Amino acid sequence: MSRIDPVPLDALPASLAEALVRGRASRMLSSSLPVQVWAHRPKVAEAWLAALEEMHLNGVLDGRLKELVRLKIASITTCRACQVARKDDSVTEADIACLTADSEHFSGPERSALRYAELFAGDYLSIDDRIYADLASWFSTPQIVELNLFCALMLAGGRMTYVQQAYEENLV
């Protein structure tokens, strides 16, 4: 049960309800419950969803890379809803089984992004110029900026969902 009562779906402001429908249809959102909790601050919830939607639909990073990063951060935040959701079909169970930055299973850019995500979520004080130089060897500046923004949203979203217990009971 969510620690904060969710706003009923039929009580959501129309623009937030529309954003929720779009997010579920595009697989950006795997559950409505976190959004229903955020709906106590509907304008903030809409802004959060707009940032996610922009990266999800018009991002400069490919879907597979973002999904690997999202799942890596989910493994650190221990958000069960985040861990079981799948946003991109190109990520397989074999990928998830070896989701480490040093796995030869992944491409160079994927290893670099996974290393960054792991540090971002778990040991951000270790991120230094060397880490950014490695990112720059694989990614453009807009891609690095998007990676930063995406990591921040995934870390914050996973932590919020976990501490609020804003996920369906069958996912616990």
Protein backbone atom coordinates (compact mmCIF):
# COMPACT_ATOMS: atom_id res chain seq x y z
CA MET A 1 0.00 0.00 0.00
CA SER A 2 1.30 3.42 -0.89
CA ARG A 3 2.38 5.54 2.07
CA ILE A 4 0.67 8.54 0.46
CA ASP A 5 -2.91 8.10 -0.68
CA PRO A 6 -3.02 8.19 -4.48
CA VAL A 7 -5.36 10.60 -6.21
CA PRO A 8 -8.07 8.50 -7.89
CA LEU A 9 -7.64 8.24 -11.64
CA ASP A 10 -11.01 9.87 -12.25
CA ALA A 11 -9.96 12.86 -10.11
CA LEU A 12 -6.73 13.64 -12.01
CA PRO A 13 -6.64 16.98 -13.82
CA ALA A 14 -7.29 16.38 -17.52
CA SER A 15 -3.79 17.35 -18.66
CA LEU A 16 -2.15 15.03 -16.12
CA ALA A 17 -4.53 12.20 -17.03
CA GLU A 18 -3.61 12.69 -20.70
CA ALA A 19 0.12 12.62 -19.88
CA LEU A 20 -0.45 9.42 -17.91
CA VAL A 21 -2.30 7.78 -20.81
CA ARG A 22 0.49 8.78 -23.23
CA GLY A 23 3.14 7.50 -20.83
CA ARG A 24 1.46 4.14 -20.42
CA ALA A 25 0.85 3.81 -24.18
CA SER A 26 4.52 4.51 -25.02
CA ARG A 27 5.77 2.22 -22.20
CA MET A 28 7.48 5.19 -20.59
CA LEU A 29 5.37 4.43 -17.50
CA SER A 30 4.77 0.91 -16.27
CA SER A 31 2.33 1.94 -13.55
CA SER A 32 -0.06 4.78 -12.87
CA LEU A 33 0.35 4.63 -9.09
CA PRO A 34 3.45 6.85 -8.71
CA VAL A 35 1.80 9.49 -10.91
CA GLN A 36 -1.35 9.28 -8.80
CA VAL A 37 0.77 10.04 -5.71
CA TRP A 38 2.55 12.92 -7.48
CA ALA A 39 -0.88 14.21 -8.54
CA HIS A 40 -1.16 15.94 -5.18
CA ARG A 41 1.14 18.43 -6.97
CA PRO A 42 -0.26 18.16 -10.50
CA LYS A 43 1.82 20.89 -12.17
CA VAL A 44 5.04 19.41 -10.77
CA ALA A 45 3.93 15.92 -11.82
CA GLU A 46 3.24 17.20 -15.33
CA ALA A 47 6.67 18.85 -15.53
CA TRP A 48 8.35 15.63 -14.38
CA LEU A 49 6.44 13.60 -16.94
CA ALA A 50 7.20 16.12 -19.68
CA ALA A 51 10.94 15.77 -19.06
CA LEU A 52 10.68 11.97 -19.10
CA GLU A 53 8.52 12.04 -22.22
CA GLU A 54 10.93 14.31 -24.09
CA MET A 55 13.83 11.94 -23.42
CA HIS A 56 11.71 8.85 -24.07
CA LEU A 57 10.27 9.99 -27.40
CA ASN A 58 12.87 12.45 -28.71
CA GLY A 59 16.03 11.47 -26.89
CA VAL A 60 19.50 11.56 -28.38
CA LEU A 61 20.42 8.28 -26.66
CA ASP A 62 19.04 5.05 -28.04
CA GLY A 63 16.36 3.12 -26.21
CA ARG A 64 18.53 0.11 -25.42
CA LEU A 65 21.20 2.21 -23.73
CA LYS A 66 18.62 4.11 -21.67
CA GLU A 67 16.97 0.84 -20.65
CA LEU A 68 20.30 -0.64 -19.52
CA VAL A 69 21.03 2.52 -17.52
CA ARG A 70 17.53 2.55 -16.04
CA LEU A 71 17.80 -1.07 -14.94
CA LYS A 72 21.28 -0.53 -13.50
CA ILE A 73 20.00 2.35 -11.39
CA ALA A 74 16.95 0.28 -10.40
CA SER A 75 19.28 -2.40 -9.08
CA ILE A 76 20.85 0.24 -6.83
CA THR A 77 17.66 1.98 -5.67
CA THR A 78 16.04 -1.44 -5.10
CA CYS A 79 12.77 -0.10 -6.48
CA ARG A 80 10.89 -3.31 -7.27
CA ALA A 81 8.53 -1.57 -9.69
CA CYS A 82 11.54 -0.23 -11.60
CA GLN A 83 13.31 -3.59 -11.56
CA VAL A 84 10.44 -5.57 -13.08
CA ALA A 85 9.34 -3.03 -15.69
CA ARG A 86 10.65 -3.38 -19.24
CA LYS A 87 10.74 -0.32 -21.48
CA ASP A 88 12.75 -1.60 -24.47
CA ASP A 89 12.47 -5.06 -26.00
CA SER A 90 16.09 -5.05 -27.18
CA VAL A 91 17.27 -5.63 -23.60
CA THR A 92 17.12 -9.33 -22.85
CA GLU A 93 17.24 -11.43 -19.72
CA ALA A 94 20.82 -12.30 -20.72
CA ASP A 95 21.66 -8.58 -20.64
CA ILE A 96 20.10 -8.20 -17.22
CA ALA A 97 21.95 -11.23 -15.87
CA CYS A 98 25.33 -9.57 -16.52
CA LEU A 99 24.41 -5.93 -15.94
CA THR A 100 27.86 -4.70 -14.92
CA ALA A 101 30.07 -2.05 -16.41
CA ASP A 102 32.95 -4.47 -16.90
CA SER A 103 31.02 -7.16 -18.79
CA GLU A 104 32.33 -7.87 -22.26
CA HIS A 105 28.73 -8.69 -23.13
CA PHE A 106 28.14 -4.96 -23.65
CA SER A 107 29.52 -2.57 -26.26
CA GLY A 108 32.06 0.11 -25.32
CA PRO A 109 29.43 2.87 -25.14
CA GLU A 110 27.15 0.65 -23.06
CA ARG A 111 29.95 -0.18 -20.61
CA SER A 112 30.81 3.51 -20.31
CA ALA A 113 27.19 4.50 -19.66
CA LEU A 114 26.69 1.64 -17.19
CA ARG A 115 29.85 2.65 -15.31
CA TYR A 116 28.62 6.23 -15.16
CA ALA A 117 25.12 5.21 -14.00
CA GLU A 118 26.55 2.95 -11.31
CA LEU A 119 28.75 5.73 -9.98
CA PHE A 120 26.01 8.35 -10.33
CA ALA A 121 23.63 6.28 -8.21
CA GLY A 122 26.06 4.71 -5.78
CA ASP A 123 29.39 6.54 -5.58
CA TYR A 124 29.01 9.94 -7.23
CA LEU A 125 32.10 11.33 -5.48
CA SER A 126 34.16 9.00 -7.68
CA ILE A 127 32.99 10.70 -10.88
CA ASP A 128 35.97 12.66 -12.09
CA ASP A 129 37.49 14.04 -15.29
CA ARG A 130 38.61 10.54 -16.29
CA ILE A 131 35.01 9.29 -16.23
CA TYR A 132 33.89 12.25 -18.34
CA ALA A 133 36.76 11.72 -20.78
CA ASP A 134 35.62 8.13 -21.21
CA LEU A 135 32.04 9.27 -21.85
CA ALA A 136 33.31 11.84 -24.37
CA SER A 137 35.12 9.09 -26.27
CA TRP A 138 31.76 7.48 -27.02
CA PHE A 139 29.13 10.21 -26.77
CA SER A 140 28.50 13.74 -28.00
CA THR A 141 28.00 16.56 -25.51
CA PRO A 142 24.18 16.51 -25.95
CA GLN A 143 24.22 12.76 -25.32
CA ILE A 144 26.28 13.19 -22.14
CA VAL A 145 23.90 15.89 -20.93
CA GLU A 146 20.94 13.62 -21.63
CA LEU A 147 22.67 10.75 -19.81
CA ASN A 148 23.12 13.03 -16.78
CA LEU A 149 19.49 14.15 -16.84
CA PHE A 150 18.23 10.62 -17.40
CA CYS A 151 20.33 9.22 -14.53
CA ALA A 152 19.05 11.99 -12.25
CA LEU A 153 15.41 11.30 -13.10
CA MET A 154 15.81 7.52 -12.79
CA LEU A 155 17.61 7.79 -9.45
CA ALA A 156 15.11 10.25 -8.00
CA GLY A 157 12.09 8.45 -9.44
CA GLY A 158 13.24 5.06 -8.17
CA ARG A 159 13.96 6.39 -4.72
CA MET A 160 10.63 8.24 -4.54
CA THR A 161 8.69 5.20 -5.68
CA TYR A 162 10.49 3.00 -3.17
CA VAL A 163 10.18 5.25 -0.11
CA GLN A 164 6.56 6.10 -0.90
CA GLN A 165 5.86 2.40 -1.59
CA ALA A 166 3.99 3.68 -4.65
CA TYR A 167 3.72 0.44 -6.56
CA GLU A 168 1.13 -2.25 -6.94
CA GLU A 169 1.09 -4.92 -4.24
CA ASN A 170 1.80 -7.71 -6.72
CA LEU A 171 5.15 -6.13 -7.51
CA VAL A 172 6.36 -6.13 -3.89
